[in-house]
C-alpha atoms as a PDB file:
ATOM      1  CA  MET A   1      66.068 106.913  18.939  1.00  0.00           C
ATOM      2  CA  GLY A   2      64.810 107.300  22.432  1.00  0.00           C
ATOM      3  CA  ASN A   3      65.612 103.662  23.218  1.00  0.00           C
ATOM      4  CA  ARG A   4      69.125 104.070  21.842  1.00  0.00           C
ATOM      5  CA  PHE A   5      69.711 107.141  24.021  1.00  0.00           C
ATOM      6  CA  ILE A   6      68.652 105.210  27.095  1.00  0.00           C
ATOM      7  CA  CYS A   7      71.015 102.330  26.254  1.00  0.00           C
ATOM      8  CA  MET A   8      73.944 104.667  25.773  1.00  0.00           C
ATOM      9  CA  THR A   9      73.245 106.346  29.100  1.00  0.00           C
ATOM     10  CA  LYS A  10      73.307 103.006  30.919  1.00  0.00           C
ATOM     11  CA  LYS A  11      76.671 102.086  29.396  1.00  0.00           C
ATOM     12  CA  GLU A  12      78.107 105.455  30.321  1.00  0.00           C
ATOM     13  CA  ASN A  13      76.864 105.006  33.895  1.00  0.00           C
ATOM     14  CA  GLU A  14      78.502 101.580  34.098  1.00  0.00           C
ATOM     15  CA  ARG A  15      81.811 103.011  32.868  1.00  0.00           C
ATOM     16  CA  ASN A  16      81.603 105.839  35.379  1.00  0.00           C
ATOM     17  CA  GLY A  17      80.701 103.364  38.115  1.00  0.00           C
ATOM     18  CA  VAL A  18      83.929 101.459  37.557  1.00  0.00           C
ATOM     19  CA  GLY A  19      85.926 104.605  38.194  1.00  0.00           C
ATOM     20  CA  SER A  20      84.072 105.496  41.378  1.00  0.00           C
ATOM     21  CA  ARG A  21      83.896 101.997  42.819  1.00  0.00           C
ATOM     22  CA  SER A  22      87.397 102.151  44.282  1.00  0.00           C
ATOM     23  CA  LYS A  23      86.580 105.469  45.925  1.00  0.00           C
ATOM     24  CA  ARG A  24      83.464 103.988  47.445  1.00  0.00           C
ATOM     25  CA  MET A  25      85.490 101.025  48.736  1.00  0.00           C
ATOM     26  CA  GLU A  26      88.045 103.355  50.289  1.00  0.00           C
ATOM     27  CA  ARG A  27      85.321 105.359  51.983  1.00  0.00           C
ATOM     28  CA  SER A  28      83.724 102.130  53.169  1.00  0.00           C
ATOM     29  CA  LYS A  29      87.002 100.914  54.666  1.00  0.00           C
ATOM     30  CA  ARG A  30      87.538 104.201  56.470  1.00  0.00           C
ATOM     31  CA  ARG A  31      84.019 104.059  57.868  1.00  0.00           C
ATOM     32  CA  SER A  32      84.597 100.469  59.022  1.00  0.00           C
ATOM     33  CA  LEU A  33      87.771 101.394  60.878  1.00  0.00           C
ATOM     34  CA  VAL A  34      86.080 104.300  62.611  1.00  0.00           C
ATOM     35  CA  GLU A  35      83.074 102.152  63.470  1.00  0.00           C
ATOM     36  CA  GLU A  36      85.298  99.410  64.918  1.00  0.00           C
ATOM     37  CA  GLU A  37      87.095 101.922  67.130  1.00  0.00           C
ATOM     38  CA  LEU A  38      83.834 103.400  68.343  1.00  0.00           C
ATOM     39  CA  LEU A  39      81.971 100.115  68.764  1.00  0.00           C
ATOM     40  CA  HIS A  40      83.824  99.024  71.865  1.00  0.00           C
ATOM     41  CA  ARG A  41      83.449 102.440  73.535  1.00  0.00           C
ATOM     42  CA  GLN A  42      79.771 102.651  72.658  1.00  0.00           C
ATOM     43  CA  ALA A  43      79.093  99.174  74.009  1.00  0.00           C
ATOM     44  CA  LEU A  44      80.759 100.016  77.314  1.00  0.00           C
ATOM     45  CA  ALA A  45      79.028 103.394  77.525  1.00  0.00           C
ATOM     46  CA  MET A  46      75.632 101.806  76.944  1.00  0.00           C
ATOM     47  CA  ALA A  47      76.330  99.109  79.492  1.00  0.00           C
ATOM     48  CA  ILE A  48      77.369 101.680  82.086  1.00  0.00           C
ATOM     49  CA  GLN A  49      74.300 103.816  81.365  1.00  0.00           C
ATOM     50  CA  GLN A  50      72.001 100.822  81.757  1.00  0.00           C
ATOM     51  CA  HIS A  51      73.781  99.761  84.902  1.00  0.00           C
ATOM     52  CA  GLN A  52      73.398 103.197  86.454  1.00  0.00           C
ATOM     53  CA  LEU A  53      69.633 102.840  86.172  1.00  0.00           C
ATOM     54  CA  SER A  54      69.681  99.791  88.406  1.00  0.00           C
ATOM     55  CA  GLN A  55      69.379 100.498  92.136  1.00  0.00           C
ATOM     56  CA  ARG A  56      68.895  96.921  93.328  1.00  0.00           C
ATOM     57  CA  PHE A  57      71.645  95.170  95.271  1.00  0.00           C
ATOM     58  CA  GLU A  58      71.954  91.422  94.837  1.00  0.00           C
ATOM     59  CA  GLY A  59      72.131  89.279  97.943  1.00  0.00           C
ATOM     60  CA  SER A  60      75.481  88.317  99.372  1.00  0.00           C
ATOM     61  CA  MET A  61      76.780  86.688 102.480  1.00  0.00           C
ATOM     62  CA  SER A  62      79.689  88.199 104.341  1.00  0.00           C
ATOM     63  CA  ARG A  63      81.755  87.186 107.315  1.00  0.00           C
ATOM     64  CA  ARG A  64      84.487  89.062 109.164  1.00  0.00           C
ATOM     65  CA  ILE A  65      87.262  87.405 111.066  1.00  0.00           C
ATOM     66  CA  GLY A  66      87.667  88.773 114.572  1.00  0.00           C
ATOM     67  CA  SER A  67      84.997  91.457 114.173  1.00  0.00           C
ATOM     68  CA  SER A  68      81.662  89.729 114.651  1.00  0.00           C
ATOM     69  CA  SER A  69      80.553  92.273 117.228  1.00  0.00           C
ATOM     70  CA  ARG A  70      81.026  95.196 114.816  1.00  0.00           C
ATOM     71  CA  ARG A  71      77.818  96.677 113.537  1.00  0.00           C
ATOM     72  CA  ARG A  72      77.266  95.984 109.846  1.00  0.00           C
ATOM     73  CA  THR A  73      75.654  98.411 107.430  1.00  0.00           C
ATOM     74  CA  ASP A  74      72.883  97.003 105.242  1.00  0.00           C
ATOM     75  CA  PHE A  75      73.103  98.268 101.660  1.00  0.00           C
ATOM     76  CA  SER A  76      70.380  96.004 100.264  1.00  0.00           C
ATOM     77  CA  ASP A  77      67.558  98.490 100.856  1.00  0.00           C
ATOM     78  CA  PRO A  78      68.743 102.050 100.155  1.00  0.00           C
ATOM     79  CA  ALA A  79      66.762 104.812 101.823  1.00  0.00           C
ATOM     80  CA  PRO A  80      64.539 106.935  99.544  1.00  0.00           C
ATOM     81  CA  ASN A  81      66.543 110.050 100.412  1.00  0.00           C
ATOM     82  CA  SER A  82      69.919 108.369  99.939  1.00  0.00           C
ATOM     83  CA  LYS A  83      71.178 111.252  97.786  1.00  0.00           C
ATOM     84  CA  GLN A  84      70.614 113.706 100.629  1.00  0.00           C
ATOM     85  CA  GLN A  85      72.361 111.364 103.064  1.00  0.00           C
ATOM     86  CA  LEU A  86      75.316 110.781 100.751  1.00  0.00           C
ATOM     87  CA  PRO A  87      77.655 113.467 102.175  1.00  0.00           C
ATOM     88  CA  GLU A  88      77.144 112.158 105.725  1.00  0.00           C
ATOM     89  CA  PHE A  89      77.686 108.625 104.480  1.00  0.00           C
ATOM     90  CA  LEU A  90      80.960 109.595 102.805  1.00  0.00           C
ATOM     91  CA  GLU A  91      82.235 111.230 105.985  1.00  0.00           C
ATOM     92  CA  SER A  92      82.576 107.776 107.523  1.00  0.00           C
ATOM     93  CA  ILE A  93      84.887 106.673 104.703  1.00  0.00           C
ATOM     94  CA  LYS A  94      88.418 107.859 105.294  1.00  0.00           C
ATOM     95  CA  THR A  95      89.937 106.611 102.031  1.00  0.00           C
ATOM     96  CA  LYS A  96      87.742 107.272  99.005  1.00  0.00           C
ATOM     97  CA  LYS A  97      90.157 106.369  96.203  1.00  0.00           C
ATOM     98  CA  PHE A  98      89.861 102.849  94.850  1.00  0.00           C
ATOM     99  CA  VAL A  99      92.426 101.396  92.440  1.00  0.00           C
ATOM    100  CA  LEU A 100      91.045  98.372  90.572  1.00  0.00           C
ATOM    101  CA  VAL A 101      93.596  95.844  89.310  1.00  0.00           C
ATOM    102  CA  HIS A 102      92.414  93.269  86.789  1.00  0.00           C
ATOM    103  CA  GLY A 103      93.393  89.624  86.579  1.00  0.00           C
ATOM    104  CA  GLU A 104      95.120  87.574  83.902  1.00  0.00           C
ATOM    105  CA  GLY A 105      94.020  88.292  80.342  1.00  0.00           C
ATOM    106  CA  PHE A 106      91.628  91.054  81.380  1.00  0.00           C
ATOM    107  CA  GLY A 107      92.048  94.831  81.365  1.00  0.00           C
ATOM    108  CA  ALA A 108      90.678  97.939  83.033  1.00  0.00           C
ATOM    109  CA  TRP A 109      87.539  97.467  80.892  1.00  0.00           C
ATOM    110  CA  CYS A 110      86.337  94.511  83.000  1.00  0.00           C
ATOM    111  CA  TRP A 111      85.540  96.813  85.953  1.00  0.00           C
ATOM    112  CA  TYR A 112      83.062  99.018  84.076  1.00  0.00           C
ATOM    113  CA  LYS A 113      80.047  98.028  86.201  1.00  0.00           C
ATOM    114  CA  ASN A 114      81.797  98.596  89.510  1.00  0.00           C
ATOM    115  CA  ILE A 115      83.343 101.844  88.300  1.00  0.00           C
ATOM    116  CA  ALA A 116      79.818 103.136  87.674  1.00  0.00           C
ATOM    117  CA  LEU A 117      78.559 101.909  91.045  1.00  0.00           C
ATOM    118  CA  LEU A 118      81.468 103.373  93.005  1.00  0.00           C
ATOM    119  CA  GLU A 119      81.103 106.712  91.239  1.00  0.00           C
ATOM    120  CA  GLU A 120      77.369 106.742  91.981  1.00  0.00           C
ATOM    121  CA  THR A 121      78.205 106.242  95.642  1.00  0.00           C
ATOM    122  CA  GLY A 122      80.508 109.265  95.586  1.00  0.00           C
ATOM    123  CA  LEU A 123      83.762 107.297  95.669  1.00  0.00           C
ATOM    124  CA  LEU A 124      86.737 107.721  93.323  1.00  0.00           C
ATOM    125  CA  PRO A 125      87.600 104.575  91.350  1.00  0.00           C
ATOM    126  CA  THR A 126      90.540 104.196  88.962  1.00  0.00           C
ATOM    127  CA  ALA A 127      91.032 101.063  86.859  1.00  0.00           C
ATOM    128  CA  ILE A 128      94.517 100.314  85.554  1.00  0.00           C
ATOM    129  CA  ASP A 129      95.731  98.351  82.530  1.00  0.00           C
ATOM    130  CA  LEU A 130      98.710  96.250  83.569  1.00  0.00           C
ATOM    131  CA  THR A 131     101.559  95.951  81.067  1.00  0.00           C
ATOM    132  CA  GLY A 132     100.477  94.076  77.951  1.00  0.00           C
ATOM    133  CA  SER A 133      96.821  94.157  79.005  1.00  0.00           C
ATOM    134  CA  GLY A 134      93.712  96.020  77.899  1.00  0.00           C
ATOM    135  CA  ILE A 135      94.762  98.880  75.623  1.00  0.00           C
ATOM    136  CA  GLU A 136      98.374  98.942  76.902  1.00  0.00           C
ATOM    137  CA  LEU A 137     100.362  98.223  73.736  1.00  0.00           C
ATOM    138  CA  THR A 138     103.289  96.133  75.024  1.00  0.00           C
ATOM    139  CA  ASP A 139     103.553  92.703  73.398  1.00  0.00           C
ATOM    140  CA  THR A 140     102.962  89.907  75.915  1.00  0.00           C
ATOM    141  CA  LYS A 141     106.193  88.186  74.924  1.00  0.00           C
ATOM    142  CA  ASN A 142     108.142  91.175  76.273  1.00  0.00           C
ATOM    143  CA  VAL A 143     106.535  91.011  79.728  1.00  0.00           C
ATOM    144  CA  THR A 144     108.837  88.651  81.595  1.00  0.00           C
ATOM    145  CA  THR A 145     108.770  89.740  85.255  1.00  0.00           C
ATOM    146  CA  LEU A 146     106.189  90.718  87.837  1.00  0.00           C
ATOM    147  CA  ALA A 147     107.872  94.119  88.115  1.00  0.00           C
ATOM    148  CA  GLU A 148     107.318  94.749  84.388  1.00  0.00           C
ATOM    149  CA  TYR A 149     103.752  93.465  84.540  1.00  0.00           C
ATOM    150  CA  SER A 150     102.931  95.641  87.573  1.00  0.00           C
ATOM    151  CA  LYS A 151     104.675  98.797  86.343  1.00  0.00           C
ATOM    152  CA  PRO A 152     101.500 100.839  85.583  1.00  0.00           C
ATOM    153  CA  LEU A 153     100.259 100.180  89.123  1.00  0.00           C
ATOM    154  CA  ILE A 154     103.621 100.991  90.697  1.00  0.00           C
ATOM    155  CA  ASP A 155     103.909 104.179  88.619  1.00  0.00           C
ATOM    156  CA  TYR A 156     100.471 105.249  89.829  1.00  0.00           C
ATOM    157  CA  LEU A 157     101.454 104.718  93.467  1.00  0.00           C
ATOM    158  CA  GLU A 158     104.788 106.497  92.992  1.00  0.00           C
ATOM    159  CA  ASN A 159     102.988 109.582  91.676  1.00  0.00           C
ATOM    160  CA  LEU A 160     100.397 109.569  94.438  1.00  0.00           C
ATOM    161  CA  PRO A 161     100.702 112.632  96.723  1.00  0.00           C
ATOM    162  CA  GLU A 162     102.392 111.900 100.037  1.00  0.00           C
ATOM    163  CA  ASP A 163      99.277 112.633 102.066  1.00  0.00           C
ATOM    164  CA  GLU A 164      96.994 110.348 100.033  1.00  0.00           C
ATOM    165  CA  LYS A 165      96.220 106.653 100.340  1.00  0.00           C
ATOM    166  CA  VAL A 166      94.196 104.251  98.227  1.00  0.00           C
ATOM    167  CA  ILE A 167      92.248 101.035  98.597  1.00  0.00           C
ATOM    168  CA  LEU A 168      93.721  98.463  96.209  1.00  0.00           C
ATOM    169  CA  VAL A 169      91.379  95.830  94.761  1.00  0.00           C
ATOM    170  CA  GLY A 170      93.015  92.934  92.922  1.00  0.00           C
ATOM    171  CA  HIS A 171      91.271  90.224  90.904  1.00  0.00           C
ATOM    172  CA  SER A 172      92.713  86.745  90.314  1.00  0.00           C
ATOM    173  CA  VAL A 173      96.428  87.005  89.335  1.00  0.00           C
ATOM    174  CA  GLY A 174      96.127  90.756  89.880  1.00  0.00           C
ATOM    175  CA  GLY A 175      96.331  89.823  93.551  1.00  0.00           C
ATOM    176  CA  ALA A 176     100.040  89.127  93.059  1.00  0.00           C
ATOM    177  CA  CYS A 177     100.476  92.678  91.734  1.00  0.00           C
ATOM    178  CA  VAL A 178      98.668  93.977  94.819  1.00  0.00           C
ATOM    179  CA  SER A 179     100.993  91.955  97.080  1.00  0.00           C
ATOM    180  CA  TYR A 180     103.998  93.296  95.174  1.00  0.00           C
ATOM    181  CA  ALA A 181     102.685  96.853  95.620  1.00  0.00           C
ATOM    182  CA  LEU A 182     102.115  96.274  99.353  1.00  0.00           C
ATOM    183  CA  GLU A 183     105.748  95.300  99.698  1.00  0.00           C
ATOM    184  CA  LEU A 184     106.967  98.400  97.852  1.00  0.00           C
ATOM    185  CA  TYR A 185     104.525 101.070  99.064  1.00  0.00           C
ATOM    186  CA  PRO A 186     102.738  99.913 102.202  1.00  0.00           C
ATOM    187  CA  GLN A 187     102.439 103.519 103.418  1.00  0.00           C
ATOM    188  CA  LYS A 188     100.329 104.465 100.378  1.00  0.00           C
ATOM    189  CA  ILE A 189      97.813 101.624 100.643  1.00  0.00           C
ATOM    190  CA  ALA A 190      95.120 101.935 103.303  1.00  0.00           C
ATOM    191  CA  LYS A 191      93.581  98.526 102.575  1.00  0.00           C
ATOM    192  CA  ALA A 192      94.074  95.731 100.061  1.00  0.00           C
ATOM    193  CA  VAL A 193      91.138  93.682  98.819  1.00  0.00           C
ATOM    194  CA  PHE A 194      91.822  90.330  97.166  1.00  0.00           C
ATOM    195  CA  THR A 195      88.847  89.330  95.001  1.00  0.00           C
ATOM    196  CA  CYS A 196      89.048  85.569  94.325  1.00  0.00           C
ATOM    197  CA  ALA A 197      92.715  86.431  93.944  1.00  0.00           C
ATOM    198  CA  THR A 198      96.188  85.002  94.386  1.00  0.00           C
ATOM    199  CA  MET A 199      96.840  86.156  97.941  1.00  0.00           C
ATOM    200  CA  ILE A 200     100.101  84.273  98.160  1.00  0.00           C
ATOM    201  CA  SER A 201     102.616  83.888 100.965  1.00  0.00           C
ATOM    202  CA  ASP A 202     106.314  84.708 100.925  1.00  0.00           C
ATOM    203  CA  GLY A 203     108.212  82.542  98.437  1.00  0.00           C
ATOM    204  CA  GLN A 204     105.140  81.436  96.470  1.00  0.00           C
ATOM    205  CA  ARG A 205     104.421  81.864  92.775  1.00  0.00           C
ATOM    206  CA  PRO A 206     101.038  83.164  91.574  1.00  0.00           C
ATOM    207  CA  PHE A 207     100.719  80.056  89.407  1.00  0.00           C
ATOM    208  CA  ASP A 208     100.980  77.813  92.486  1.00  0.00           C
ATOM    209  CA  VAL A 209      97.515  78.947  93.550  1.00  0.00           C
ATOM    210  CA  PHE A 210      96.038  77.491  90.356  1.00  0.00           C
ATOM    211  CA  SER A 211      98.034  74.242  90.449  1.00  0.00           C
ATOM    212  CA  GLU A 212      95.038  72.187  91.593  1.00  0.00           C
ATOM    213  CA  GLU A 213      93.147  73.271  88.471  1.00  0.00           C
ATOM    214  CA  LEU A 214      96.019  73.388  85.950  1.00  0.00           C
ATOM    215  CA  GLY A 215      98.588  70.962  87.378  1.00  0.00           C
ATOM    216  CA  SER A 216     102.126  71.755  88.437  1.00  0.00           C
ATOM    217  CA  ALA A 217     103.923  74.689  86.852  1.00  0.00           C
ATOM    218  CA  GLU A 218     106.584  72.416  85.388  1.00  0.00           C
ATOM    219  CA  LEU A 219     104.021  70.105  83.785  1.00  0.00           C
ATOM    220  CA  PHE A 220     102.011  73.044  82.484  1.00  0.00           C
ATOM    221  CA  MET A 221     105.100  74.585  80.857  1.00  0.00           C
ATOM    222  CA  GLN A 222     105.898  71.300  79.141  1.00  0.00           C
ATOM    223  CA  GLU A 223     102.524  69.986  78.043  1.00  0.00           C
ATOM    224  CA  SER A 224      99.835  72.661  78.024  1.00  0.00           C
ATOM    225  CA  LYS A 225      98.084  73.092  74.674  1.00  0.00           C
ATOM    226  CA  PHE A 226      97.313  76.720  75.546  1.00  0.00           C
ATOM    227  CA  LEU A 227     100.921  77.923  75.477  1.00  0.00           C
ATOM    228  CA  ILE A 228     102.097  80.734  73.199  1.00  0.00           C
ATOM    229  CA  TYR A 229     105.642  80.758  71.803  1.00  0.00           C
ATOM    230  CA  GLY A 230     106.166  84.433  71.045  1.00  0.00           C
ATOM    231  CA  ASN A 231     109.887  83.970  70.313  1.00  0.00           C
ATOM    232  CA  GLY A 232     109.525  80.800  68.245  1.00  0.00           C
ATOM    233  CA  LYS A 233     108.890  77.134  69.026  1.00  0.00           C
ATOM    234  CA  GLU A 234     112.578  76.516  69.732  1.00  0.00           C
ATOM    235  CA  LYS A 235     112.467  79.022  72.634  1.00  0.00           C
ATOM    236  CA  PRO A 236     110.580  78.741  75.961  1.00  0.00           C
ATOM    237  CA  PRO A 237     106.884  79.726  75.915  1.00  0.00           C
ATOM    238  CA  THR A 238     106.129  83.372  76.616  1.00  0.00           C
ATOM    239  CA  GLY A 239     102.438  83.250  77.458  1.00  0.00           C
ATOM    240  CA  PHE A 240      99.201  81.327  77.249  1.00  0.00           C
ATOM    241  CA  MET A 241      95.565  81.847  76.452  1.00  0.00           C
ATOM    242  CA  PHE A 242      92.626  79.517  76.975  1.00  0.00           C
ATOM    243  CA  LYS A 243      90.260  78.793  74.124  1.00  0.00           C
ATOM    244  CA  LYS A 244      86.796  80.296  74.297  1.00  0.00           C
ATOM    245  CA  GLU A 245      85.178  77.079  75.499  1.00  0.00           C
ATOM    246  CA  GLN A 246      87.632  76.737  78.382  1.00  0.00           C
ATOM    247  CA  MET A 247      87.333  80.411  79.337  1.00  0.00           C
ATOM    248  CA  HIS A 248      83.561  80.213  79.409  1.00  0.00           C
ATOM    249  CA  GLY A 249      83.610  77.216  81.745  1.00  0.00           C
ATOM    250  CA  LEU A 250      86.396  78.471  84.007  1.00  0.00           C
ATOM    251  CA  TYR A 251      85.630  82.169  84.270  1.00  0.00           C
ATOM    252  CA  PHE A 252      82.073  82.976  83.200  1.00  0.00           C
ATOM    253  CA  ASN A 253      79.800  80.148  84.348  1.00  0.00           C
ATOM    254  CA  GLN A 254      77.430  82.650  86.007  1.00  0.00           C
ATOM    255  CA  SER A 255      78.147  85.803  83.980  1.00  0.00           C
ATOM    256  CA  PRO A 256      75.649  87.481  81.587  1.00  0.00           C
ATOM    257  CA  ALA A 257      76.045  86.642  77.897  1.00  0.00           C
ATOM    258  CA  LYS A 258      76.726  90.283  76.973  1.00  0.00           C
ATOM    259  CA  ASP A 259      79.651  90.493  79.376  1.00  0.00           C
ATOM    260  CA  VAL A 260      81.035  87.183  78.134  1.00  0.00           C
ATOM    261  CA  ALA A 261      80.837  88.496  74.561  1.00  0.00           C
ATOM    262  CA  LEU A 262      82.678  91.654  75.646  1.00  0.00           C
ATOM    263  CA  ALA A 263      85.386  89.538  77.288  1.00  0.00           C
ATOM    264  CA  MET A 264      85.804  87.302  74.254  1.00  0.00           C
ATOM    265  CA  VAL A 265      86.739  90.256  72.036  1.00  0.00           C
ATOM    266  CA  SER A 266      88.769  92.112  74.675  1.00  0.00           C
ATOM    267  CA  MET A 267      90.911  89.533  76.493  1.00  0.00           C
ATOM    268  CA  ARG A 268      94.587  89.254  75.621  1.00  0.00           C
ATOM    269  CA  PRO A 269      97.239  86.542  76.120  1.00  0.00           C
ATOM    270  CA  ILE A 270      98.582  86.058  79.637  1.00  0.00           C
ATOM    271  CA  PRO A 271     102.350  86.568  80.094  1.00  0.00           C
ATOM    272  CA  LEU A 272     103.976  83.523  81.700  1.00  0.00           C
ATOM    273  CA  GLY A 273     106.975  85.138  83.376  1.00  0.00           C
ATOM    274  CA  PRO A 274     105.110  87.175  86.007  1.00  0.00           C
ATOM    275  CA  ILE A 275     102.944  84.281  87.211  1.00  0.00           C
ATOM    276  CA  MET A 276     105.931  81.935  87.451  1.00  0.00           C
ATOM    277  CA  GLU A 277     107.952  84.322  89.629  1.00  0.00           C
ATOM    278  CA  LYS A 278     108.315  83.762  93.350  1.00  0.00           C
ATOM    279  CA  LEU A 279     107.461  86.757  95.487  1.00  0.00           C
ATOM    280  CA  SER A 280     109.581  87.962  98.362  1.00  0.00           C
ATOM    281  CA  LEU A 281     107.272  89.403 101.025  1.00  0.00           C
ATOM    282  CA  THR A 282     108.493  90.699 104.388  1.00  0.00           C
ATOM    283  CA  PRO A 283     106.692  90.848 107.757  1.00  0.00           C
ATOM    284  CA  GLU A 284     107.736  94.504 108.135  1.00  0.00           C
ATOM    285  CA  LYS A 285     105.987  95.689 104.959  1.00  0.00           C
ATOM    286  CA  TYR A 286     103.530  93.210 103.463  1.00  0.00           C
ATOM    287  CA  GLY A 287     102.982  91.667 106.883  1.00  0.00           C
ATOM    288  CA  THR A 288     101.721  94.930 108.414  1.00  0.00           C
ATOM    289  CA  SER A 289      99.200  95.689 105.655  1.00  0.00           C
ATOM    290  CA  ARG A 290      95.433  95.520 106.097  1.00  0.00           C
ATOM    291  CA  ARG A 291      94.212  92.747 103.838  1.00  0.00           C
ATOM    292  CA  PHE A 292      90.669  91.575 103.090  1.00  0.00           C
ATOM    293  CA  TYR A 293      89.558  88.635 100.987  1.00  0.00           C
ATOM    294  CA  ILE A 294      86.383  88.194  98.898  1.00  0.00           C
ATOM    295  CA  GLN A 295      85.512  84.586  98.156  1.00  0.00           C
ATOM    296  CA  THR A 296      83.349  83.587  95.186  1.00  0.00           C
ATOM    297  CA  LEU A 297      81.337  80.470  95.978  1.00  0.00           C
ATOM    298  CA  ASP A 298      80.585  79.303  92.420  1.00  0.00           C
ATOM    299  CA  ASP A 299      84.107  79.774  91.107  1.00  0.00           C
ATOM    300  CA  ARG A 300      85.516  77.123  88.752  1.00  0.00           C
ATOM    301  CA  ALA A 301      88.874  78.753  88.044  1.00  0.00           C
ATOM    302  CA  LEU A 302      89.816  79.153  91.717  1.00  0.00           C
ATOM    303  CA  SER A 303      87.594  76.795  93.657  1.00  0.00           C
ATOM    304  CA  PRO A 304      86.049  77.815  97.009  1.00  0.00           C
ATOM    305  CA  ASP A 305      88.200  75.149  98.687  1.00  0.00           C
ATOM    306  CA  VAL A 306      91.383  76.687  97.272  1.00  0.00           C
ATOM    307  CA  GLN A 307      90.250  80.175  98.297  1.00  0.00           C
ATOM    308  CA  GLU A 308      89.503  78.899 101.796  1.00  0.00           C
ATOM    309  CA  LYS A 309      92.983  77.383 101.922  1.00  0.00           C
ATOM    310  CA  LEU A 310      94.546  80.745 100.954  1.00  0.00           C
ATOM    311  CA  VAL A 311      92.644  82.466 103.744  1.00  0.00           C
ATOM    312  CA  ARG A 312      93.585  79.794 106.250  1.00  0.00           C
ATOM    313  CA  GLU A 313      97.295  79.783 105.403  1.00  0.00           C
ATOM    314  CA  ASN A 314      97.655  83.564 105.079  1.00  0.00           C
ATOM    315  CA  PRO A 315      94.884  85.036 107.265  1.00  0.00           C
ATOM    316  CA  PRO A 316      93.583  88.485 106.262  1.00  0.00           C
ATOM    317  CA  GLU A 317      91.813  90.938 108.525  1.00  0.00           C
ATOM    318  CA  GLY A 318      88.429  90.077 107.078  1.00  0.00           C
ATOM    319  CA  VAL A 319      86.745  87.580 104.762  1.00  0.00           C
ATOM    320  CA  PHE A 320      83.600  88.124 102.700  1.00  0.00           C
ATOM    321  CA  LYS A 321      81.693  85.654 100.537  1.00  0.00           C
ATOM    322  CA  ILE A 322      79.588  86.130  97.418  1.00  0.00           C
ATOM    323  CA  LYS A 323      76.948  83.483  96.816  1.00  0.00           C
ATOM    324  CA  GLY A 324      76.532  82.569  93.159  1.00  0.00           C
ATOM    325  CA  GLY A 325      79.643  84.490  92.162  1.00  0.00           C
ATOM    326  CA  ASP A 326      81.832  82.958  89.461  1.00  0.00           C
ATOM    327  CA  HIS A 327      85.477  83.889  88.895  1.00  0.00           C
ATOM    328  CA  CYS A 328      84.369  87.277  87.527  1.00  0.00           C
ATOM    329  CA  PRO A 329      82.066  88.783  90.176  1.00  0.00           C
ATOM    330  CA  PHE A 330      82.390  92.195  88.499  1.00  0.00           C
ATOM    331  CA  PHE A 331      80.229  90.585  85.773  1.00  0.00           C
ATOM    332  CA  SER A 332      78.172  87.979  87.613  1.00  0.00           C
ATOM    333  CA  LYS A 333      77.549  89.793  90.927  1.00  0.00           C
ATOM    334  CA  PRO A 334      78.598  93.447  90.546  1.00  0.00           C
ATOM    335  CA  GLN A 335      76.089  94.710  93.118  1.00  0.00           C
ATOM    336  CA  SER A 336      77.246  92.206  95.735  1.00  0.00           C
ATOM    337  CA  LEU A 337      80.862  93.064  95.035  1.00  0.00           C
ATOM    338  CA  HIS A 338      80.066  96.758  95.316  1.00  0.00           C
ATOM    339  CA  LYS A 339      78.282  96.301  98.627  1.00  0.00           C
ATOM    340  CA  ILE A 340      81.311  94.516 100.069  1.00  0.00           C
ATOM    341  CA  LEU A 341      83.791  97.095  98.756  1.00  0.00           C
ATOM    342  CA  VAL A 342      81.807  99.910 100.345  1.00  0.00           C
ATOM    343  CA  GLU A 343      81.555  97.953 103.603  1.00  0.00           C
ATOM    344  CA  ILE A 344      85.317  97.395 103.648  1.00  0.00           C
ATOM    345  CA  ALA A 345      85.888 101.089 102.939  1.00  0.00           C
ATOM    346  CA  GLN A 346      83.860 101.967 106.049  1.00  0.00           C
ATOM    347  CA  ILE A 347      85.836  99.724 108.418  1.00  0.00           C
ATOM    348  CA  PRO A 348      87.853 102.068 110.697  1.00  0.00           C
END
């Protein structure tokens, strides 16, 4: 009798389990969605927290054009009482607001290390998602011009108070957005920093800078296996995206594995229209801006030779070099990049 009672209880439990299984699955799905949303934020928060504990600056080599006699500040060995000296240090920096502009496929998320470092220094960084990038929801296929692509940056500058200026920092193709902004709002930009970026001349396309690596624009549009046809195969391509193997070799050859993993799940397709558009830059606006260039010496996406050519053909006020930096120095050499940004901020 006792055995029979036990058997009946097991059957009843099985029947009840069937009814509650769907509820458990629903709860599990909801938990998964919440966990997925939080995972990315938690990973970035942890990375920033760990990065804030590091006080060591990596070595870098810098060079300034036409300013060799200017005294340089050494950030590689911070003084023990640096926190007490911070207010005096900040007094020498006239423009404290930095606006960080990501490159193709990236988003504001890629600057997380340098955001933490700049904030620790007492500066005011803002990272922007360009249209169709990061968490900005526009579909890449609908981003057809540089004006559309740059709109979040231009909106930010438009809303900037009249008496305020910023230091713009552009990475890779984001350099074209910086150039576009310099042409529209030169009075609101104290300095522009091109970080292994497309610092193009009047009448050039951003893509032209990469032609040595990717071939001519016309050939790329016809034959590239990385193209995306957002409006159907019968229509022109709307974007492109490298496969993981190509991205790793081109962009992240010196970057930490954790940052590469973050990039692999965060990068989005690159809109073709903006990088195929020729820029019109005038001597009166763009030509009067204060430009600086940061070269990355282990860059496989934009080789040091190509970067040197950009500097030679369109000379900036100053040039800095990062040894061992790949195409993403905010991952591979964030301390070196930070040191240079602070040094540029201090230039009168």
